[in-house]
Amino acid sequence: MFDDIDEACLQWLAPLGWPVVTEVPADRPPVFVRVMRTGNRRLSVAHRRIQFTIECWNEAGEAAAERMADQVEARLCQWPAVPSGAQGWLSGPYPQRDPDTGCPRYVMTCYAVQRVVVA
């Protein structure tokens, strides 16, 4: 059985100080980080690679969203679950305004490798 990697990612990013969520809140705060599991691939009997897409929303503007994304990317690079270098990243941060609200946000996609937990 695998641990809850989604919760582990939320907890890893929480020290940055922004709300970290898995869904856009109905009462959307002006700044938040959204973590979505957008895929996974079994690597072996004991390992799988999870794909996370991370969105950094910031109503203060695109520059503020970019600075936020830089901090999130740096934090994820320190997470032991994310392999170093290109092995850990499908895409670094890039701008992509929310199509519904026009809110500035930066999006990135990383991989996390997970190992089966033996109870």
C-alpha atoms as a PDB file:
ATOM      1  CA  MET A   1       0.000   0.000   0.000  1.00  0.00           C
ATOM      2  CA  PHE A   2       1.150   3.537  -0.723  1.00  0.00           C
ATOM      3  CA  ASP A   3       0.985   6.507   1.644  1.00  0.00           C
ATOM      4  CA  ASP A   4      -1.220   9.494   0.815  1.00  0.00           C
ATOM      5  CA  ILE A   5       1.188  11.311  -1.517  1.00  0.00           C
ATOM      6  CA  ASP A   6      -1.312  14.112  -2.154  1.00  0.00           C
ATOM      7  CA  GLU A   7      -1.419  14.986   1.546  1.00  0.00           C
ATOM      8  CA  ALA A   8       2.368  14.693   1.752  1.00  0.00           C
ATOM      9  CA  CYS A   9       2.710  17.252  -1.068  1.00  0.00           C
ATOM     10  CA  LEU A  10       0.250  19.634   0.624  1.00  0.00           C
ATOM     11  CA  GLN A  11       2.180  19.382   3.887  1.00  0.00           C
ATOM     12  CA  TRP A  12       5.530  19.878   2.129  1.00  0.00           C
ATOM     13  CA  LEU A  13       4.332  23.146   0.565  1.00  0.00           C
ATOM     14  CA  ALA A  14       2.448  24.443   3.643  1.00  0.00           C
ATOM     15  CA  PRO A  15       5.512  26.123   5.251  1.00  0.00           C
ATOM     16  CA  LEU A  16       5.566  28.624   2.359  1.00  0.00           C
ATOM     17  CA  GLY A  17       2.656  30.325   4.126  1.00  0.00           C
ATOM     18  CA  TRP A  18      -0.037  30.342   1.438  1.00  0.00           C
ATOM     19  CA  PRO A  19      -3.190  28.225   1.476  1.00  0.00           C
ATOM     20  CA  VAL A  20      -2.420  24.939  -0.304  1.00  0.00           C
ATOM     21  CA  VAL A  21      -5.480  23.146  -1.671  1.00  0.00           C
ATOM     22  CA  THR A  22      -6.505  20.393  -4.077  1.00  0.00           C
ATOM     23  CA  GLU A  23      -9.561  22.250  -5.435  1.00  0.00           C
ATOM     24  CA  VAL A  24     -10.214  25.911  -6.160  1.00  0.00           C
ATOM     25  CA  PRO A  25     -12.185  27.108  -3.122  1.00  0.00           C
ATOM     26  CA  ALA A  26     -15.715  28.428  -3.742  1.00  0.00           C
ATOM     27  CA  ASP A  27     -14.742  31.510  -1.729  1.00  0.00           C
ATOM     28  CA  ARG A  28     -11.418  31.912  -3.540  1.00  0.00           C
ATOM     29  CA  PRO A  29      -8.662  33.670  -1.572  1.00  0.00           C
ATOM     30  CA  PRO A  30      -6.551  36.237  -3.473  1.00  0.00           C
ATOM     31  CA  VAL A  31      -3.445  34.009  -3.197  1.00  0.00           C
ATOM     32  CA  PHE A  32      -3.237  30.209  -3.027  1.00  0.00           C
ATOM     33  CA  VAL A  33      -1.472  27.123  -4.381  1.00  0.00           C
ATOM     34  CA  ARG A  34      -3.450  24.323  -5.987  1.00  0.00           C
ATOM     35  CA  VAL A  35      -1.982  20.808  -6.158  1.00  0.00           C
ATOM     36  CA  MET A  36      -3.516  18.297  -8.568  1.00  0.00           C
ATOM     37  CA  ARG A  37      -2.459  14.727  -9.168  1.00  0.00           C
ATOM     38  CA  THR A  38      -2.610  14.539 -12.958  1.00  0.00           C
ATOM     39  CA  GLY A  39      -1.228  11.055 -13.507  1.00  0.00           C
ATOM     40  CA  ASN A  40       0.809   8.174 -12.191  1.00  0.00           C
ATOM     41  CA  ARG A  41       2.847   5.333 -13.588  1.00  0.00           C
ATOM     42  CA  ARG A  42       3.873   2.110 -11.885  1.00  0.00           C
ATOM     43  CA  LEU A  43       7.660   1.797 -12.100  1.00  0.00           C
ATOM     44  CA  SER A  44       7.987  -1.536 -10.293  1.00  0.00           C
ATOM     45  CA  VAL A  45       6.180  -3.691  -7.766  1.00  0.00           C
ATOM     46  CA  ALA A  46       7.348  -1.298  -5.049  1.00  0.00           C
ATOM     47  CA  HIS A  47       7.474   2.094  -6.803  1.00  0.00           C
ATOM     48  CA  ARG A  48       5.256   4.467  -8.733  1.00  0.00           C
ATOM     49  CA  ARG A  49       5.815   7.886 -10.247  1.00  0.00           C
ATOM     50  CA  ILE A  50       3.130  10.466  -9.504  1.00  0.00           C
ATOM     51  CA  GLN A  51       2.638  13.478 -11.760  1.00  0.00           C
ATOM     52  CA  PHE A  52       1.576  16.677  -9.980  1.00  0.00           C
ATOM     53  CA  THR A  53       0.398  19.831 -11.686  1.00  0.00           C
ATOM     54  CA  ILE A  54       0.826  22.835  -9.418  1.00  0.00           C
ATOM     55  CA  GLU A  55      -0.944  26.168  -9.918  1.00  0.00           C
ATOM     56  CA  CYS A  56       0.151  29.362  -8.152  1.00  0.00           C
ATOM     57  CA  TRP A  57      -2.714  31.884  -8.126  1.00  0.00           C
ATOM     58  CA  ASN A  58      -2.085  35.506  -7.221  1.00  0.00           C
ATOM     59  CA  GLU A  59      -4.519  38.357  -7.832  1.00  0.00           C
ATOM     60  CA  ALA A  60      -1.713  40.893  -7.267  1.00  0.00           C
ATOM     61  CA  GLY A  61      -0.578  40.266 -10.846  1.00  0.00           C
ATOM     62  CA  GLU A  62       1.506  38.075 -13.106  1.00  0.00           C
ATOM     63  CA  ALA A  63       4.842  39.162 -11.605  1.00  0.00           C
ATOM     64  CA  ALA A  64       3.611  38.238  -8.115  1.00  0.00           C
ATOM     65  CA  ALA A  65       2.357  34.864  -9.382  1.00  0.00           C
ATOM     66  CA  GLU A  66       5.751  34.239 -11.004  1.00  0.00           C
ATOM     67  CA  ARG A  67       7.655  35.037  -7.784  1.00  0.00           C
ATOM     68  CA  MET A  68       5.321  32.727  -5.924  1.00  0.00           C
ATOM     69  CA  ALA A  69       5.882  29.943  -8.489  1.00  0.00           C
ATOM     70  CA  ASP A  70       9.648  30.346  -8.167  1.00  0.00           C
ATOM     71  CA  GLN A  71       9.361  29.750  -4.425  1.00  0.00           C
ATOM     72  CA  VAL A  72       7.069  26.745  -4.890  1.00  0.00           C
ATOM     73  CA  GLU A  73       9.430  25.240  -7.481  1.00  0.00           C
ATOM     74  CA  ALA A  74      12.432  25.735  -5.182  1.00  0.00           C
ATOM     75  CA  ARG A  75      10.565  24.085  -2.310  1.00  0.00           C
ATOM     76  CA  LEU A  76       9.540  21.115  -4.470  1.00  0.00           C
ATOM     77  CA  CYS A  77      13.169  20.699  -5.606  1.00  0.00           C
ATOM     78  CA  GLN A  78      14.032  20.115  -1.924  1.00  0.00           C
ATOM     79  CA  TRP A  79      11.326  17.477  -1.396  1.00  0.00           C
ATOM     80  CA  PRO A  80      12.968  14.035  -1.235  1.00  0.00           C
ATOM     81  CA  ALA A  81      10.086  12.559  -3.276  1.00  0.00           C
ATOM     82  CA  VAL A  82      10.955  14.705  -6.326  1.00  0.00           C
ATOM     83  CA  PRO A  83      13.954  13.331  -8.237  1.00  0.00           C
ATOM     84  CA  SER A  84      16.702  15.846  -8.884  1.00  0.00           C
ATOM     85  CA  GLY A  85      17.227  17.527 -12.225  1.00  0.00           C
ATOM     86  CA  ALA A  86      15.190  16.784 -15.320  1.00  0.00           C
ATOM     87  CA  GLN A  87      14.007  13.469 -13.858  1.00  0.00           C
ATOM     88  CA  GLY A  88      11.781  15.407 -11.469  1.00  0.00           C
ATOM     89  CA  TRP A  89      10.188  17.874 -13.876  1.00  0.00           C
ATOM     90  CA  LEU A  90       7.947  17.701 -16.911  1.00  0.00           C
ATOM     91  CA  SER A  91       7.569  21.485 -17.031  1.00  0.00           C
ATOM     92  CA  GLY A  92       8.877  24.389 -14.999  1.00  0.00           C
ATOM     93  CA  PRO A  93       6.658  27.389 -14.200  1.00  0.00           C
ATOM     94  CA  TYR A  94       4.903  29.188 -17.044  1.00  0.00           C
ATOM     95  CA  PRO A  95       2.105  31.795 -17.097  1.00  0.00           C
ATOM     96  CA  GLN A  96      -1.456  30.630 -17.703  1.00  0.00           C
ATOM     97  CA  ARG A  97      -4.262  32.924 -16.582  1.00  0.00           C
ATOM     98  CA  ASP A  98      -7.347  31.175 -15.275  1.00  0.00           C
ATOM     99  CA  PRO A  99      -9.764  31.106 -18.239  1.00  0.00           C
ATOM    100  CA  ASP A 100     -12.849  31.609 -16.048  1.00  0.00           C
ATOM    101  CA  THR A 101     -11.707  34.464 -13.815  1.00  0.00           C
ATOM    102  CA  GLY A 102      -8.673  35.914 -15.592  1.00  0.00           C
ATOM    103  CA  CYS A 103      -6.721  35.575 -12.345  1.00  0.00           C
ATOM    104  CA  PRO A 104      -2.939  35.511 -12.920  1.00  0.00           C
ATOM    105  CA  ARG A 105      -1.412  32.120 -12.190  1.00  0.00           C
ATOM    106  CA  TYR A 106       1.709  30.150 -12.959  1.00  0.00           C
ATOM    107  CA  VAL A 107       1.575  26.428 -13.643  1.00  0.00           C
ATOM    108  CA  MET A 108       4.261  23.738 -13.361  1.00  0.00           C
ATOM    109  CA  THR A 109       4.361  19.934 -13.480  1.00  0.00           C
ATOM    110  CA  CYS A 110       6.662  17.743 -11.410  1.00  0.00           C
ATOM    111  CA  TYR A 111       7.081  14.062 -10.664  1.00  0.00           C
ATOM    112  CA  ALA A 112       7.259  12.454  -7.242  1.00  0.00           C
ATOM    113  CA  VAL A 113       8.469   8.885  -6.754  1.00  0.00           C
ATOM    114  CA  GLN A 114       6.640   6.852  -4.163  1.00  0.00           C
ATOM    115  CA  ARG A 115       7.580   3.570  -2.505  1.00  0.00           C
ATOM    116  CA  VAL A 116       5.203   0.974  -1.082  1.00  0.00           C
ATOM    117  CA  VAL A 117       4.918   1.165   2.694  1.00  0.00           C
ATOM    118  CA  VAL A 118       5.229  -2.210   4.395  1.00  0.00           C
ATOM    119  CA  ALA A 119       3.068  -2.383   7.491  1.00  0.00           C
END
